[in-house]
Amino acid sequence: EGGMIPVSSIPYFDLVNVMSYDAIGPSWGEPGGEHSSYAMAERDLDLWLARGVARERLILGVPFYGYGFGGAKANWSYRELAAAHGINATKADVIGDRCADCRYITHNSPATIEKKAQLAAEKAGGVMVWELSQDSPDHRLTKAIGRGLTRE
């Protein structure tokens, strides 16, 4: 939430890269939640715009990874998710049933990444990725960013 950055220092930043992910993980947060929702991206961008960050200096960070809960493997790259569960399983932001006692994996689907990129095109200066090498071999998420940034 950026509480450690004094609002008075904002004019001195060339870029503010908003890491809008990791609201929840295998060992923190409310089970059943999404670690990087679209609503979180909206809220995070609105927070920094309200603090006075110029739109063109604000960059939205998106994850190319997911987290497993309820006994599922804890950490997944999107590449691993697509290989282990199939591309069709990654079309939604959750694999399995998301609940406190369920086994599931949360991540950002290509559709969510595209929607977040469109949001960044409308409200911010662009998108950054935590970490490009985690994309699928066919660059499914990177292509989704391209579509979102150029959508009118």
Protein backbone atom coordinates (compact mmCIF):
# COMPACT_ATOMS: atom_id res chain seq x y z
CA GLU A 1 0.00 0.00 0.00
CA GLY A 2 3.00 2.26 -0.19
CA GLY A 3 2.77 3.48 3.40
CA MET A 4 6.54 3.84 3.67
CA ILE A 5 6.77 6.34 0.80
CA PRO A 6 6.02 9.91 1.90
CA VAL A 7 3.51 11.56 -0.43
CA SER A 8 5.79 14.63 -0.50
CA SER A 9 8.46 12.56 -2.30
CA ILE A 10 6.23 11.48 -5.20
CA PRO A 11 7.19 14.36 -7.53
CA TYR A 12 10.80 13.12 -7.43
CA PHE A 13 10.06 9.66 -8.83
CA ASP A 14 10.58 9.00 -12.55
CA LEU A 15 8.42 5.86 -12.33
CA VAL A 16 6.26 4.21 -9.72
CA ASN A 17 6.04 0.48 -10.41
CA VAL A 18 3.03 -0.85 -8.54
CA MET A 19 3.55 -4.50 -7.63
CA SER A 20 -0.16 -5.32 -7.61
CA TYR A 21 0.09 -8.94 -6.53
CA ASP A 22 0.81 -11.15 -3.54
CA ALA A 23 -2.20 -10.07 -1.49
CA ILE A 24 -2.40 -13.71 -0.41
CA GLY A 25 -0.06 -16.68 -0.55
CA PRO A 26 0.19 -20.24 0.72
CA SER A 27 1.16 -19.08 4.21
CA TRP A 28 -0.51 -15.65 4.50
CA GLY A 29 -3.83 -13.98 3.78
CA GLU A 30 -7.36 -15.33 3.83
CA PRO A 31 -7.66 -18.82 2.31
CA GLY A 32 -9.99 -18.78 -0.67
CA GLY A 33 -8.85 -15.33 -1.80
CA GLU A 34 -7.13 -14.38 -5.02
CA HIS A 35 -3.51 -13.28 -4.80
CA SER A 36 -3.75 -10.74 -7.61
CA SER A 37 -7.27 -9.79 -8.60
CA TYR A 38 -8.40 -7.23 -11.15
CA ALA A 39 -10.10 -5.31 -8.32
CA MET A 40 -6.76 -5.13 -6.52
CA ALA A 41 -5.12 -3.65 -9.65
CA GLU A 42 -7.87 -1.01 -9.89
CA ARG A 43 -7.55 -0.15 -6.21
CA ASP A 44 -3.74 0.04 -6.36
CA LEU A 45 -3.68 2.33 -9.40
CA ASP A 46 -6.39 4.57 -7.93
CA LEU A 47 -4.40 4.84 -4.68
CA TRP A 48 -1.25 6.07 -6.44
CA LEU A 49 -3.14 8.38 -8.79
CA ALA A 50 -4.87 9.92 -5.76
CA ARG A 51 -1.46 10.41 -4.14
CA GLY A 52 -0.42 12.50 -7.11
CA VAL A 53 1.59 10.14 -9.29
CA ALA A 54 1.31 11.33 -12.89
CA ARG A 55 -0.51 8.79 -15.07
CA GLU A 56 2.44 8.42 -17.47
CA ARG A 57 4.78 7.64 -14.55
CA LEU A 58 2.58 4.93 -13.07
CA ILE A 59 3.25 1.32 -14.12
CA LEU A 60 1.06 -1.68 -13.20
CA GLY A 61 2.89 -4.86 -12.22
CA VAL A 62 1.28 -8.18 -13.14
CA PRO A 63 2.26 -11.72 -12.06
CA PHE A 64 3.18 -14.52 -14.43
CA TYR A 65 2.87 -17.00 -11.55
CA GLY A 66 0.37 -18.46 -9.13
CA TYR A 67 0.08 -19.94 -5.66
CA GLY A 68 -1.23 -23.31 -4.56
CA PHE A 69 -3.31 -23.89 -1.43
CA GLY A 70 -4.74 -26.81 0.51
CA GLY A 71 -1.91 -29.22 -0.25
CA ALA A 72 -1.31 -28.15 -3.85
CA LYS A 73 2.27 -27.26 -4.77
CA ALA A 74 2.85 -23.79 -3.29
CA ASN A 75 4.57 -21.89 -6.13
CA TRP A 76 3.87 -22.13 -9.86
CA SER A 77 5.04 -20.23 -12.92
CA TYR A 78 2.38 -19.81 -15.59
CA ARG A 79 4.61 -22.00 -17.80
CA GLU A 80 4.42 -24.80 -15.19
CA LEU A 81 0.66 -24.40 -14.76
CA ALA A 82 0.03 -24.70 -18.50
CA ALA A 83 2.33 -27.74 -18.77
CA ALA A 84 0.91 -29.56 -15.74
CA HIS A 85 -2.79 -28.73 -16.11
CA GLY A 86 -3.20 -27.80 -19.78
CA ILE A 87 -3.89 -24.46 -21.41
CA ASN A 88 -7.66 -24.87 -20.99
CA ALA A 89 -7.26 -25.09 -17.21
CA THR A 90 -5.47 -21.71 -17.21
CA LYS A 91 -8.39 -19.89 -18.86
CA ALA A 92 -9.80 -19.08 -15.40
CA ASP A 93 -7.97 -17.45 -12.49
CA VAL A 94 -8.32 -20.53 -10.32
CA ILE A 95 -7.60 -24.19 -10.90
CA GLY A 96 -9.73 -26.26 -8.52
CA ASP A 97 -12.35 -25.03 -6.06
CA ARG A 98 -11.34 -21.91 -4.16
CA CYS A 99 -12.32 -22.24 -0.50
CA ALA A 100 -10.62 -22.36 2.90
CA ASP A 101 -10.35 -26.18 3.00
CA CYS A 102 -9.98 -26.88 -0.74
CA ARG A 103 -6.99 -27.73 -2.91
CA TYR A 104 -6.61 -25.03 -5.57
CA ILE A 105 -4.21 -22.72 -7.41
CA THR A 106 -4.77 -19.00 -8.03
CA HIS A 107 -3.07 -17.17 -10.90
CA ASN A 108 -3.91 -14.60 -13.56
CA SER A 109 -5.41 -16.07 -16.73
CA PRO A 110 -4.59 -14.58 -20.13
CA ALA A 111 -8.00 -12.85 -20.07
CA THR A 112 -7.25 -11.23 -16.70
CA ILE A 113 -3.78 -10.16 -17.83
CA GLU A 114 -5.32 -8.62 -20.98
CA LYS A 115 -7.94 -6.82 -18.90
CA LYS A 116 -5.26 -5.51 -16.51
CA ALA A 117 -3.18 -4.30 -19.46
CA GLN A 118 -6.21 -2.46 -20.81
CA LEU A 119 -6.68 -0.89 -17.36
CA ALA A 120 -3.02 0.17 -17.38
CA ALA A 121 -3.45 1.71 -20.84
CA GLU A 122 -6.43 3.70 -19.57
CA LYS A 123 -5.14 4.78 -16.15
CA ALA A 124 -1.37 4.37 -16.19
CA GLY A 125 1.75 4.48 -18.32
CA GLY A 126 2.09 0.76 -18.95
CA VAL A 127 2.72 -2.70 -17.53
CA MET A 128 5.65 -4.46 -15.92
CA VAL A 129 5.95 -8.22 -15.48
CA TRP A 130 7.25 -10.34 -12.68
CA GLU A 131 9.16 -12.36 -14.56
CA LEU A 132 8.94 -12.85 -18.33
CA SER A 133 10.59 -16.28 -18.27
CA GLN A 134 7.54 -17.61 -16.38
CA ASP A 135 5.32 -17.21 -19.46
CA SER A 136 4.32 -20.22 -21.56
CA PRO A 137 6.56 -21.16 -24.52
CA ASP A 138 4.02 -19.56 -26.90
CA HIS A 139 4.11 -16.30 -24.86
CA ARG A 140 0.40 -16.46 -24.08
CA LEU A 141 0.53 -13.87 -21.26
CA THR A 142 2.91 -11.51 -23.06
CA LYS A 143 0.59 -11.53 -26.08
CA ALA A 144 -2.36 -10.82 -23.76
CA ILE A 145 -0.55 -7.71 -22.53
CA GLY A 146 -0.06 -6.58 -26.13
CA ARG A 147 -3.75 -7.01 -26.88
CA GLY A 148 -4.76 -5.14 -23.73
CA LEU A 149 -2.42 -2.22 -24.33
CA THR A 150 -3.60 -1.72 -27.91
CA ARG A 151 -7.31 -2.28 -27.33
CA GLU A 152 -9.48 0.77 -27.89
